[in-house]
Amino acid sequence: MIKLFALDVDGTLTDGGVYMDGSGSEYKRFDIRDGYGIVMLMEAGVKVVLISGRYSPATRQRADDLRVTSCINGTADKLTDLVRVARELGVARSEIAFAGDDLPDLECVRWAGLGMAVADAVSEIRAAAGWVSSKPGGRGAVRECAEYILEVNGGRI
């Protein structure tokens, strides 16, 4: 049973694009269906944690809007943070799913009980993952991850 779903943000929850206006503001596109997948997981009792290597106010806003369990926004060591959060929440490694798309996510994908990759992830992530979405990051991949976790947990979609 998966009790914690942790995921990367840029390239996983988003399409990896960052729009910058030259004056310090940035914009990211988040898929509403991905967000609802996260909500479905939380309603089913699964904790959700966003772990981003890049700090972004947009990531913080999305985490707040979705009311996720935790948001680690701008970390140099995703695995250390994932292990710490799992310990704080009392969740075993085998009860964790982690979704990612690029090399900074590789250790987490390998470490989690269920490593997940978005369809357009780099080859190393797809090879390490136990499950790969059919949709790319930021375009429904996280919704697919959520539905798969619900299925693994015996829940209905």
Protein backbone atom coordinates (compact mmCIF):
# COMPACT_ATOMS: atom_id res chain seq x y z
CA MET A 1 0.00 0.00 0.00
CA ILE A 2 1.27 3.46 -0.93
CA LYS A 3 0.88 5.97 1.91
CA LEU A 4 3.10 8.76 0.55
CA PHE A 5 3.34 10.12 -2.98
CA ALA A 6 6.32 12.43 -3.46
CA LEU A 7 7.07 14.06 -6.75
CA ASP A 8 9.34 16.43 -8.55
CA VAL A 9 7.81 19.66 -9.84
CA ASP A 10 9.58 21.02 -12.95
CA GLY A 11 9.17 18.50 -15.74
CA THR A 12 6.88 16.24 -13.71
CA LEU A 13 4.05 18.39 -12.33
CA THR A 14 4.82 20.96 -15.06
CA ASP A 15 6.01 20.58 -18.63
CA GLY A 16 9.40 21.88 -17.54
CA GLY A 17 8.96 25.30 -19.11
CA VAL A 18 9.50 28.45 -17.07
CA TYR A 19 8.31 31.76 -18.46
CA MET A 20 10.39 34.74 -17.31
CA ASP A 21 9.49 38.38 -17.96
CA GLY A 22 12.94 39.91 -17.48
CA SER A 23 11.97 41.73 -14.29
CA GLY A 24 12.14 38.77 -11.93
CA SER A 25 8.65 37.35 -12.36
CA GLU A 26 8.17 33.83 -13.58
CA TYR A 27 5.19 31.77 -14.62
CA LYS A 28 4.55 28.03 -14.75
CA ARG A 29 1.69 26.06 -16.25
CA PHE A 30 0.01 23.46 -14.05
CA ASP A 31 -2.53 20.98 -15.41
CA ILE A 32 -5.85 21.07 -13.54
CA ARG A 33 -6.36 17.32 -14.01
CA ASP A 34 -2.98 16.64 -12.43
CA GLY A 35 -4.07 18.77 -9.48
CA TYR A 36 -7.31 16.86 -9.15
CA GLY A 37 -5.35 13.59 -9.17
CA ILE A 38 -3.40 14.90 -6.18
CA VAL A 39 -6.66 15.85 -4.46
CA MET A 40 -8.06 12.34 -5.11
CA LEU A 41 -5.00 10.79 -3.48
CA MET A 42 -5.24 13.01 -0.42
CA GLU A 43 -8.97 12.25 -0.10
CA ALA A 44 -8.01 8.55 -0.13
CA GLY A 45 -5.57 9.16 2.75
CA VAL A 46 -2.32 9.30 0.76
CA LYS A 47 0.08 12.04 1.85
CA VAL A 48 1.50 14.16 -0.99
CA VAL A 49 4.84 15.97 -0.96
CA LEU A 50 6.28 18.21 -3.67
CA ILE A 51 10.08 18.17 -3.82
CA SER A 52 11.68 20.72 -6.13
CA GLY A 53 15.35 21.36 -6.67
CA ARG A 54 14.56 24.86 -7.88
CA TYR A 55 12.93 27.44 -5.63
CA SER A 56 9.87 29.07 -7.17
CA PRO A 57 7.05 31.18 -5.74
CA ALA A 58 4.73 29.52 -8.29
CA THR A 59 5.54 26.09 -6.82
CA ARG A 60 4.74 27.36 -3.33
CA GLN A 61 1.45 28.82 -4.55
CA ARG A 62 0.44 25.56 -6.24
CA ALA A 63 1.32 23.57 -3.12
CA ASP A 64 -0.75 25.94 -0.99
CA ASP A 65 -3.68 25.85 -3.43
CA LEU A 66 -3.73 22.04 -3.38
CA ARG A 67 -3.06 21.90 0.39
CA VAL A 68 -0.44 19.19 -0.04
CA THR A 69 1.11 17.61 3.03
CA SER A 70 4.48 19.29 2.47
CA CYS A 71 6.40 21.31 -0.11
CA ILE A 72 10.18 21.27 -0.22
CA ASN A 73 10.87 24.17 -2.54
CA GLY A 74 14.51 24.54 -3.57
CA THR A 75 16.64 21.66 -2.27
CA ALA A 76 20.08 20.46 -3.26
CA ASP A 77 19.46 16.93 -1.96
CA LYS A 78 16.05 15.49 -2.77
CA LEU A 79 16.76 12.04 -1.36
CA THR A 80 17.83 13.34 2.05
CA ASP A 81 14.66 15.44 2.20
CA LEU A 82 12.48 12.52 1.08
CA VAL A 83 13.96 10.22 3.73
CA ARG A 84 13.49 12.91 6.41
CA VAL A 85 9.84 13.52 5.46
CA ALA A 86 9.13 9.78 5.39
CA ARG A 87 10.63 9.42 8.88
CA GLU A 88 8.62 12.41 10.19
CA LEU A 89 5.40 10.96 8.76
CA GLY A 90 6.18 7.43 9.92
CA VAL A 91 6.04 5.99 6.41
CA ALA A 92 8.19 3.03 5.38
CA ARG A 93 10.23 3.09 2.19
CA SER A 94 8.01 0.37 0.69
CA GLU A 95 4.97 2.63 1.21
CA ILE A 96 6.39 5.51 -0.85
CA ALA A 97 5.90 6.32 -4.53
CA PHE A 98 8.15 8.93 -6.12
CA ALA A 99 7.65 10.40 -9.61
CA GLY A 100 10.33 12.25 -11.53
CA ASP A 101 11.67 13.16 -14.93
CA ASP A 102 15.38 14.01 -14.82
CA LEU A 103 18.70 13.03 -13.26
CA PRO A 104 18.24 14.98 -9.99
CA ASP A 105 15.30 12.62 -9.32
CA LEU A 106 17.18 9.39 -9.98
CA GLU A 107 18.15 8.53 -6.39
CA CYS A 108 14.55 9.10 -5.21
CA VAL A 109 13.08 7.00 -8.03
CA ARG A 110 15.49 4.18 -7.16
CA TRP A 111 14.96 4.47 -3.39
CA ALA A 112 11.16 4.64 -3.26
CA GLY A 113 9.10 1.48 -2.98
CA LEU A 114 7.45 2.50 -6.26
CA GLY A 115 9.61 4.56 -8.57
CA MET A 116 7.61 6.34 -11.26
CA ALA A 117 8.63 8.20 -14.41
CA VAL A 118 6.70 10.54 -16.68
CA ALA A 119 6.61 9.49 -20.34
CA ASP A 120 9.08 12.15 -21.47
CA ALA A 121 11.58 11.52 -18.65
CA VAL A 122 15.22 10.99 -19.53
CA SER A 123 16.13 7.39 -20.32
CA GLU A 124 17.89 6.82 -16.97
CA ILE A 125 14.73 7.71 -15.04
CA ARG A 126 12.50 5.55 -17.25
CA ALA A 127 14.92 2.61 -16.86
CA ALA A 128 15.01 2.95 -13.05
CA ALA A 129 11.25 3.33 -12.65
CA GLY A 130 8.90 0.48 -11.86
CA TRP A 131 6.10 2.30 -13.71
CA VAL A 132 6.07 4.87 -16.55
CA SER A 133 3.12 7.10 -17.47
CA SER A 134 1.84 7.32 -21.03
CA LYS A 135 1.51 11.11 -20.77
CA PRO A 136 4.34 13.65 -20.50
CA GLY A 137 5.11 15.81 -17.50
CA GLY A 138 2.69 18.69 -16.99
CA ARG A 139 0.20 17.13 -19.40
CA GLY A 140 -1.63 14.53 -17.34
CA ALA A 141 1.25 12.36 -16.14
CA VAL A 142 0.65 13.10 -12.45
CA ARG A 143 -3.05 12.28 -12.86
CA GLU A 144 -2.01 8.92 -14.31
CA CYS A 145 0.37 8.38 -11.38
CA ALA A 146 -2.45 9.15 -8.95
CA GLU A 147 -4.86 6.77 -10.66
CA TYR A 148 -2.23 4.02 -10.69
CA ILE A 149 -1.53 4.52 -6.96
CA LEU A 150 -5.25 4.38 -6.22
CA GLU A 151 -5.46 1.15 -8.21
CA VAL A 152 -2.45 -0.33 -6.37
CA ASN A 153 -4.12 0.64 -3.10
CA GLY A 154 -7.34 -1.11 -4.13
CA GLY A 155 -9.30 2.12 -4.43
CA ARG A 156 -11.67 3.15 -7.12
CA ILE A 157 -10.98 5.87 -9.64
